[in-house]
Amino acid sequence: MLGAKQTDGASGAASASDATETDGTSHTPTAAYVAFGAGAVGLVIGVVFTVVAVSEKGQCTQNTCQPGVDPTANGNAVTRDTIIAGVGYGTALLGAGLGVIFLSSAHAQATSGVHVTPAVGLGWAGVQGRF
């Protein structure tokens, strides 16, 4: 009899937690905020390294460099900084795109009652959901 009461209590607790998850009151778009934050960091990195690359490129013009500037090292630095800036801008675009997708997904889940989440484990990946 005692075991039956514990089972009923456990199933009642599970039902209560299922009700709070599907009622749509506590959907925080955390993934969207993280994606937007990563995009903002990427944008800052892109802008900073673009400014640095333009500054370094200005040290050598038409095969003539300022005194004390190695043309080969300057060219390598400009190339490196340009690549880093491009990666930063790519990260900004990816973060903004994923942020919009996650934000609209969180809004759709809150309004429709459909809940789909990615599930990743060691050696496997899939999708879980409630419809």
N, C-alpha and C. Protein backbone atom coordinates (compact mmCIF):
# COMPACT_ATOMS: atom_id res chain seq x y z
N MET A 1 0.82 -1.18 0.00
CA MET A 1 0.00 0.00 0.00
C MET A 1 0.87 1.25 0.00
N LEU A 2 1.94 1.21 0.77
CA LEU A 2 2.84 2.34 0.81
C LEU A 2 3.47 2.57 -0.55
N GLY A 3 3.84 1.47 -1.24
CA GLY A 3 4.41 1.59 -2.58
C GLY A 3 3.43 2.20 -3.55
N ALA A 4 2.15 1.92 -3.41
CA ALA A 4 1.14 2.47 -4.31
C ALA A 4 1.03 3.97 -4.12
N LYS A 5 1.12 4.42 -2.87
CA LYS A 5 1.04 5.86 -2.63
C LYS A 5 2.24 6.59 -3.23
N GLN A 6 3.44 5.99 -3.14
CA GLN A 6 4.61 6.63 -3.71
C GLN A 6 4.51 6.68 -5.23
N THR A 7 3.99 5.64 -5.84
CA THR A 7 3.84 5.63 -7.29
C THR A 7 2.86 6.69 -7.73
N ASP A 8 1.71 6.79 -6.98
CA ASP A 8 0.73 7.81 -7.32
C ASP A 8 1.32 9.20 -7.17
N GLY A 9 2.08 9.42 -6.12
CA GLY A 9 2.71 10.71 -5.91
C GLY A 9 3.72 11.03 -6.99
N ALA A 10 4.49 10.02 -7.40
CA ALA A 10 5.49 10.24 -8.43
C ALA A 10 4.83 10.54 -9.76
N SER A 11 3.75 9.80 -10.08
CA SER A 11 3.08 10.06 -11.35
C SER A 11 2.36 11.40 -11.31
N GLY A 12 1.85 11.77 -10.13
CA GLY A 12 1.22 13.09 -10.00
C GLY A 12 2.23 14.20 -10.18
N ALA A 13 3.45 14.00 -9.65
CA ALA A 13 4.49 15.00 -9.81
C ALA A 13 4.91 15.11 -11.27
N ALA A 14 4.97 13.97 -11.95
CA ALA A 14 5.33 14.00 -13.36
C ALA A 14 4.27 14.71 -14.17
N SER A 15 3.00 14.47 -13.82
CA SER A 15 1.92 15.15 -14.55
C SER A 15 1.97 16.65 -14.31
N ALA A 16 2.29 17.05 -13.07
CA ALA A 16 2.38 18.48 -12.78
C ALA A 16 3.52 19.13 -13.55
N SER A 17 4.67 18.44 -13.65
CA SER A 17 5.78 19.04 -14.38
C SER A 17 5.48 19.09 -15.87
N ASP A 18 4.77 18.08 -16.39
CA ASP A 18 4.38 18.11 -17.81
C ASP A 18 3.45 19.28 -18.06
N ALA A 19 2.55 19.56 -17.13
CA ALA A 19 1.61 20.66 -17.31
C ALA A 19 2.33 22.00 -17.31
N THR A 20 3.34 22.16 -16.47
CA THR A 20 4.04 23.44 -16.44
C THR A 20 4.91 23.63 -17.68
N GLU A 21 5.41 22.54 -18.27
CA GLU A 21 6.22 22.68 -19.47
C GLU A 21 5.38 23.03 -20.69
N THR A 22 4.18 22.50 -20.78
CA THR A 22 3.38 22.68 -22.00
C THR A 22 2.40 23.83 -21.90
N ASP A 23 2.28 24.50 -20.76
CA ASP A 23 1.31 25.57 -20.67
C ASP A 23 1.79 26.86 -21.35
N GLY A 24 3.05 26.94 -21.72
CA GLY A 24 3.56 28.07 -22.49
C GLY A 24 3.88 29.31 -21.69
N THR A 25 3.93 29.22 -20.37
CA THR A 25 4.18 30.42 -19.59
C THR A 25 5.65 30.74 -19.39
N SER A 26 6.53 29.75 -19.47
CA SER A 26 7.93 30.03 -19.18
C SER A 26 8.84 29.61 -20.33
N HIS A 27 8.73 30.28 -21.45
CA HIS A 27 9.60 30.01 -22.59
C HIS A 27 10.61 31.15 -22.70
N THR A 28 11.82 30.91 -22.30
CA THR A 28 12.88 31.90 -22.38
C THR A 28 13.73 31.58 -23.60
N PRO A 29 13.86 32.51 -24.53
CA PRO A 29 14.66 32.26 -25.74
C PRO A 29 16.15 32.41 -25.49
N THR A 30 16.69 31.61 -24.60
CA THR A 30 18.10 31.70 -24.22
C THR A 30 19.01 31.46 -25.42
N ALA A 31 18.69 30.48 -26.24
CA ALA A 31 19.52 30.18 -27.41
C ALA A 31 19.57 31.38 -28.35
N ALA A 32 18.48 32.10 -28.48
CA ALA A 32 18.47 33.29 -29.34
C ALA A 32 19.39 34.37 -28.77
N TYR A 33 19.35 34.56 -27.46
CA TYR A 33 20.22 35.56 -26.84
C TYR A 33 21.69 35.19 -27.01
N VAL A 34 22.01 33.92 -26.86
CA VAL A 34 23.39 33.47 -27.02
C VAL A 34 23.84 33.68 -28.47
N ALA A 35 22.98 33.35 -29.42
CA ALA A 35 23.33 33.52 -30.84
C ALA A 35 23.51 35.00 -31.18
N PHE A 36 22.62 35.85 -30.69
CA PHE A 36 22.78 37.29 -30.94
C PHE A 36 24.06 37.82 -30.29
N GLY A 37 24.39 37.33 -29.11
CA GLY A 37 25.62 37.74 -28.45
C GLY A 37 26.85 37.33 -29.23
N ALA A 38 26.85 36.10 -29.73
CA ALA A 38 27.97 35.63 -30.56
C ALA A 38 28.08 36.45 -31.83
N GLY A 39 26.94 36.80 -32.41
CA GLY A 39 26.96 37.65 -33.60
C GLY A 39 27.51 39.03 -33.31
N ALA A 40 27.17 39.57 -32.16
CA ALA A 40 27.70 40.90 -31.79
C ALA A 40 29.21 40.86 -31.58
N VAL A 41 29.68 39.80 -30.94
CA VAL A 41 31.13 39.65 -30.75
C VAL A 41 31.82 39.52 -32.11
N GLY A 42 31.23 38.73 -33.01
CA GLY A 42 31.79 38.59 -34.36
C GLY A 42 31.84 39.91 -35.10
N LEU A 43 30.80 40.72 -34.95
CA LEU A 43 30.77 42.02 -35.61
C LEU A 43 31.86 42.94 -35.06
N VAL A 44 32.05 42.95 -33.75
CA VAL A 44 33.10 43.78 -33.15
C VAL A 44 34.47 43.33 -33.64
N ILE A 45 34.70 42.02 -33.66
CA ILE A 45 35.99 41.50 -34.14
C ILE A 45 36.20 41.88 -35.61
N GLY A 46 35.16 41.76 -36.42
CA GLY A 46 35.27 42.13 -37.83
C GLY A 46 35.63 43.58 -38.02
N VAL A 47 34.97 44.46 -37.29
CA VAL A 47 35.25 45.90 -37.43
C VAL A 47 36.66 46.24 -36.95
N VAL A 48 37.05 45.69 -35.80
CA VAL A 48 38.38 46.00 -35.25
C VAL A 48 39.47 45.54 -36.22
N PHE A 49 39.37 44.32 -36.73
CA PHE A 49 40.42 43.82 -37.61
C PHE A 49 40.38 44.46 -39.00
N THR A 50 39.22 44.96 -39.42
CA THR A 50 39.17 45.74 -40.67
C THR A 50 39.93 47.04 -40.50
N VAL A 51 39.72 47.72 -39.38
CA VAL A 51 40.43 48.98 -39.12
C VAL A 51 41.94 48.73 -39.03
N VAL A 52 42.34 47.66 -38.36
CA VAL A 52 43.77 47.34 -38.24
C VAL A 52 44.36 47.02 -39.62
N ALA A 53 43.64 46.26 -40.44
CA ALA A 53 44.14 45.90 -41.77
C ALA A 53 44.29 47.12 -42.66
N VAL A 54 43.32 48.03 -42.60
CA VAL A 54 43.41 49.25 -43.41
C VAL A 54 44.58 50.11 -42.94
N SER A 55 44.79 50.17 -41.63
CA SER A 55 45.91 50.93 -41.09
C SER A 55 47.24 50.34 -41.54
N GLU A 56 47.35 49.01 -41.48
CA GLU A 56 48.59 48.36 -41.90
C GLU A 56 48.82 48.49 -43.41
N LYS A 57 47.73 48.42 -44.15
CA LYS A 57 47.86 48.55 -45.61
C LYS A 57 48.34 49.94 -45.99
N GLY A 58 47.98 50.94 -45.20
CA GLY A 58 48.39 52.31 -45.47
C GLY A 58 49.88 52.55 -45.24
N GLN A 59 50.56 51.61 -44.57
CA GLN A 59 51.99 51.78 -44.32
C GLN A 59 52.82 51.50 -45.58
N CYS A 60 52.25 50.74 -46.52
CA CYS A 60 52.95 50.46 -47.78
C CYS A 60 52.01 50.77 -48.93
N THR A 61 52.44 51.68 -49.82
CA THR A 61 51.65 52.00 -51.00
C THR A 61 52.53 51.97 -52.23
N GLN A 62 52.01 51.38 -53.29
CA GLN A 62 52.71 51.30 -54.58
C GLN A 62 54.15 50.81 -54.43
N ASN A 63 54.30 49.67 -53.78
CA ASN A 63 55.61 49.02 -53.59
C ASN A 63 56.61 49.87 -52.81
N THR A 64 56.16 50.86 -52.09
CA THR A 64 57.04 51.69 -51.26
C THR A 64 56.47 51.70 -49.84
N CYS A 65 57.33 51.35 -48.89
CA CYS A 65 56.89 51.29 -47.50
C CYS A 65 57.55 52.42 -46.70
N GLN A 66 56.90 52.75 -45.61
CA GLN A 66 57.48 53.74 -44.71
C GLN A 66 58.78 53.17 -44.13
N PRO A 67 59.69 54.03 -43.69
CA PRO A 67 60.95 53.55 -43.12
C PRO A 67 60.71 52.64 -41.92
N GLY A 68 61.44 51.53 -41.90
CA GLY A 68 61.34 50.59 -40.79
C GLY A 68 60.23 49.56 -40.93
N VAL A 69 59.50 49.55 -42.08
CA VAL A 69 58.41 48.60 -42.28
C VAL A 69 58.85 47.56 -43.30
N ASP A 70 58.81 46.30 -42.93
CA ASP A 70 59.16 45.20 -43.83
C ASP A 70 57.97 44.92 -44.74
N PRO A 71 58.14 45.03 -46.07
CA PRO A 71 57.02 44.84 -46.98
C PRO A 71 56.39 43.44 -46.91
N THR A 72 57.21 42.42 -46.74
CA THR A 72 56.67 41.06 -46.68
C THR A 72 55.86 40.86 -45.40
N ALA A 73 56.41 41.29 -44.29
CA ALA A 73 55.69 41.16 -43.01
C ALA A 73 54.41 41.98 -43.03
N ASN A 74 54.46 43.16 -43.64
CA ASN A 74 53.28 44.01 -43.72
C ASN A 74 52.20 43.33 -44.56
N GLY A 75 52.59 42.76 -45.68
CA GLY A 75 51.61 42.08 -46.53
C GLY A 75 50.99 40.89 -45.84
N ASN A 76 51.81 40.14 -45.10
CA ASN A 76 51.29 39.00 -44.35
C ASN A 76 50.32 39.45 -43.25
N ALA A 77 50.65 40.53 -42.59
CA ALA A 77 49.79 41.04 -41.52
C ALA A 77 48.46 41.52 -42.08
N VAL A 78 48.50 42.19 -43.22
CA VAL A 78 47.26 42.66 -43.84
C VAL A 78 46.39 41.47 -44.24
N THR A 79 47.00 40.45 -44.82
CA THR A 79 46.25 39.26 -45.22
C THR A 79 45.64 38.57 -44.01
N ARG A 80 46.42 38.40 -42.95
CA ARG A 80 45.94 37.76 -41.73
C ARG A 80 44.78 38.53 -41.12
N ASP A 81 44.93 39.84 -41.02
CA ASP A 81 43.88 40.65 -40.41
C ASP A 81 42.62 40.68 -41.26
N THR A 82 42.78 40.64 -42.57
CA THR A 82 41.62 40.60 -43.46
C THR A 82 40.86 39.29 -43.30
N ILE A 83 41.57 38.19 -43.16
CA ILE A 83 40.93 36.89 -42.96
C ILE A 83 40.18 36.86 -41.62
N ILE A 84 40.82 37.36 -40.58
CA ILE A 84 40.17 37.39 -39.27
C ILE A 84 38.92 38.27 -39.31
N ALA A 85 39.00 39.40 -40.00
CA ALA A 85 37.83 40.27 -40.13
C ALA A 85 36.70 39.54 -40.87
N GLY A 86 37.05 38.81 -41.92
CA GLY A 86 36.03 38.07 -42.67
C GLY A 86 35.36 36.99 -41.82
N VAL A 87 36.15 36.30 -41.02
CA VAL A 87 35.58 35.30 -40.11
C VAL A 87 34.67 35.98 -39.09
N GLY A 88 35.08 37.14 -38.62
CA GLY A 88 34.24 37.89 -37.67
C GLY A 88 32.92 38.29 -38.29
N TYR A 89 32.94 38.78 -39.53
CA TYR A 89 31.69 39.15 -40.20
C TYR A 89 30.82 37.93 -40.48
N GLY A 90 31.46 36.82 -40.84
CA GLY A 90 30.70 35.57 -41.04
C GLY A 90 30.03 35.12 -39.76
N THR A 91 30.75 35.22 -38.65
CA THR A 91 30.18 34.87 -37.36
C THR A 91 29.02 35.79 -37.01
N ALA A 92 29.15 37.06 -37.35
CA ALA A 92 28.06 38.01 -37.09
C ALA A 92 26.81 37.64 -37.88
N LEU A 93 26.99 37.30 -39.15
CA LEU A 93 25.84 36.90 -39.97
C LEU A 93 25.21 35.61 -39.46
N LEU A 94 26.03 34.65 -39.13
CA LEU A 94 25.53 33.37 -38.62
C LEU A 94 24.81 33.57 -37.28
N GLY A 95 25.40 34.35 -36.39
CA GLY A 95 24.76 34.60 -35.10
C GLY A 95 23.44 35.32 -35.24
N ALA A 96 23.38 36.32 -36.12
CA ALA A 96 22.13 37.04 -36.33
C ALA A 96 21.07 36.12 -36.94
N GLY A 97 21.47 35.32 -37.91
CA GLY A 97 20.51 34.41 -38.54
C GLY A 97 19.98 33.38 -37.57
N LEU A 98 20.89 32.76 -36.81
CA LEU A 98 20.44 31.77 -35.82
C LEU A 98 19.61 32.41 -34.72
N GLY A 99 19.97 33.63 -34.33
CA GLY A 99 19.19 34.33 -33.31
C GLY A 99 17.76 34.56 -33.76
N VAL A 100 17.59 34.97 -35.01
CA VAL A 100 16.24 35.18 -35.55
C VAL A 100 15.48 33.86 -35.60
N ILE A 101 16.15 32.80 -36.05
CA ILE A 101 15.49 31.49 -36.13
C ILE A 101 15.09 31.01 -34.74
N PHE A 102 16.02 31.09 -33.78
CA PHE A 102 15.71 30.63 -32.43
C PHE A 102 14.62 31.47 -31.78
N LEU A 103 14.66 32.78 -32.01
CA LEU A 103 13.66 33.66 -31.41
C LEU A 103 12.28 33.37 -31.99
N SER A 104 12.19 33.21 -33.30
CA SER A 104 10.89 32.91 -33.91
C SER A 104 10.43 31.51 -33.53
N SER A 105 11.36 30.58 -33.36
CA SER A 105 11.01 29.23 -32.93
C SER A 105 10.47 29.24 -31.51
N ALA A 106 11.09 30.01 -30.63
CA ALA A 106 10.62 30.09 -29.25
C ALA A 106 9.23 30.72 -29.20
N HIS A 107 9.00 31.71 -30.05
CA HIS A 107 7.69 32.35 -30.10
C HIS A 107 6.64 31.39 -30.64
N ALA A 108 7.00 30.62 -31.67
CA ALA A 108 6.07 29.65 -32.25
C ALA A 108 5.75 28.56 -31.25
N GLN A 109 6.74 28.11 -30.48
CA GLN A 109 6.50 27.07 -29.47
C GLN A 109 5.56 27.59 -28.38
N ALA A 110 5.75 28.85 -28.00
CA ALA A 110 4.92 29.41 -26.94
C ALA A 110 3.47 29.55 -27.39
N THR A 111 3.24 29.80 -28.67
CA THR A 111 1.89 30.02 -29.14
C THR A 111 1.22 28.76 -29.66
N SER A 112 1.98 27.78 -30.14
CA SER A 112 1.35 26.62 -30.77
C SER A 112 1.25 25.41 -29.86
N GLY A 113 2.03 25.33 -28.81
CA GLY A 113 2.01 24.16 -27.96
C GLY A 113 2.88 23.03 -28.48
N VAL A 114 3.48 23.19 -29.66
CA VAL A 114 4.38 22.20 -30.21
C VAL A 114 5.77 22.46 -29.65
N HIS A 115 6.42 21.40 -29.22
CA HIS A 115 7.74 21.56 -28.60
C HIS A 115 8.70 20.57 -29.22
N VAL A 116 9.70 21.06 -29.96
CA VAL A 116 10.70 20.21 -30.60
C VAL A 116 12.08 20.70 -30.15
N THR A 117 12.92 19.79 -29.68
CA THR A 117 14.26 20.16 -29.25
C THR A 117 15.27 19.17 -29.82
N PRO A 118 16.47 19.65 -30.13
CA PRO A 118 17.51 18.73 -30.57
C PRO A 118 18.01 17.90 -29.39
N ALA A 119 18.39 16.67 -29.69
CA ALA A 119 18.94 15.78 -28.66
C ALA A 119 20.25 15.23 -29.19
N VAL A 120 21.33 15.43 -28.44
CA VAL A 120 22.65 14.99 -28.87
C VAL A 120 23.26 14.16 -27.75
N GLY A 121 23.82 13.04 -28.12
CA GLY A 121 24.49 12.18 -27.15
C GLY A 121 25.81 11.71 -27.72
N LEU A 122 26.48 10.88 -26.99
CA LEU A 122 27.77 10.37 -27.43
C LEU A 122 27.54 9.39 -28.58
N GLY A 123 27.88 9.79 -29.77
CA GLY A 123 27.74 8.93 -30.95
C GLY A 123 26.37 8.97 -31.60
N TRP A 124 25.48 9.85 -31.18
CA TRP A 124 24.17 9.91 -31.80
C TRP A 124 23.61 11.33 -31.73
N ALA A 125 22.66 11.61 -32.59
CA ALA A 125 21.96 12.90 -32.58
C ALA A 125 20.55 12.65 -33.07
N GLY A 126 19.62 13.45 -32.59
CA GLY A 126 18.23 13.27 -33.00
C GLY A 126 17.39 14.47 -32.57
N VAL A 127 16.10 14.28 -32.65
CA VAL A 127 15.14 15.34 -32.30
C VAL A 127 14.11 14.74 -31.37
N GLN A 128 13.75 15.49 -30.32
CA GLN A 128 12.69 15.09 -29.41
C GLN A 128 11.60 16.12 -29.51
N GLY A 129 10.36 15.73 -29.22
CA GLY A 129 9.32 16.72 -29.26
C GLY A 129 8.00 16.23 -28.71
N ARG A 130 7.10 17.20 -28.52
CA ARG A 130 5.72 16.94 -28.12
C ARG A 130 4.83 17.65 -29.11
N PHE A 131 3.81 16.94 -29.53
CA PHE A 131 2.88 17.51 -30.52
C PHE A 131 1.48 17.52 -29.97
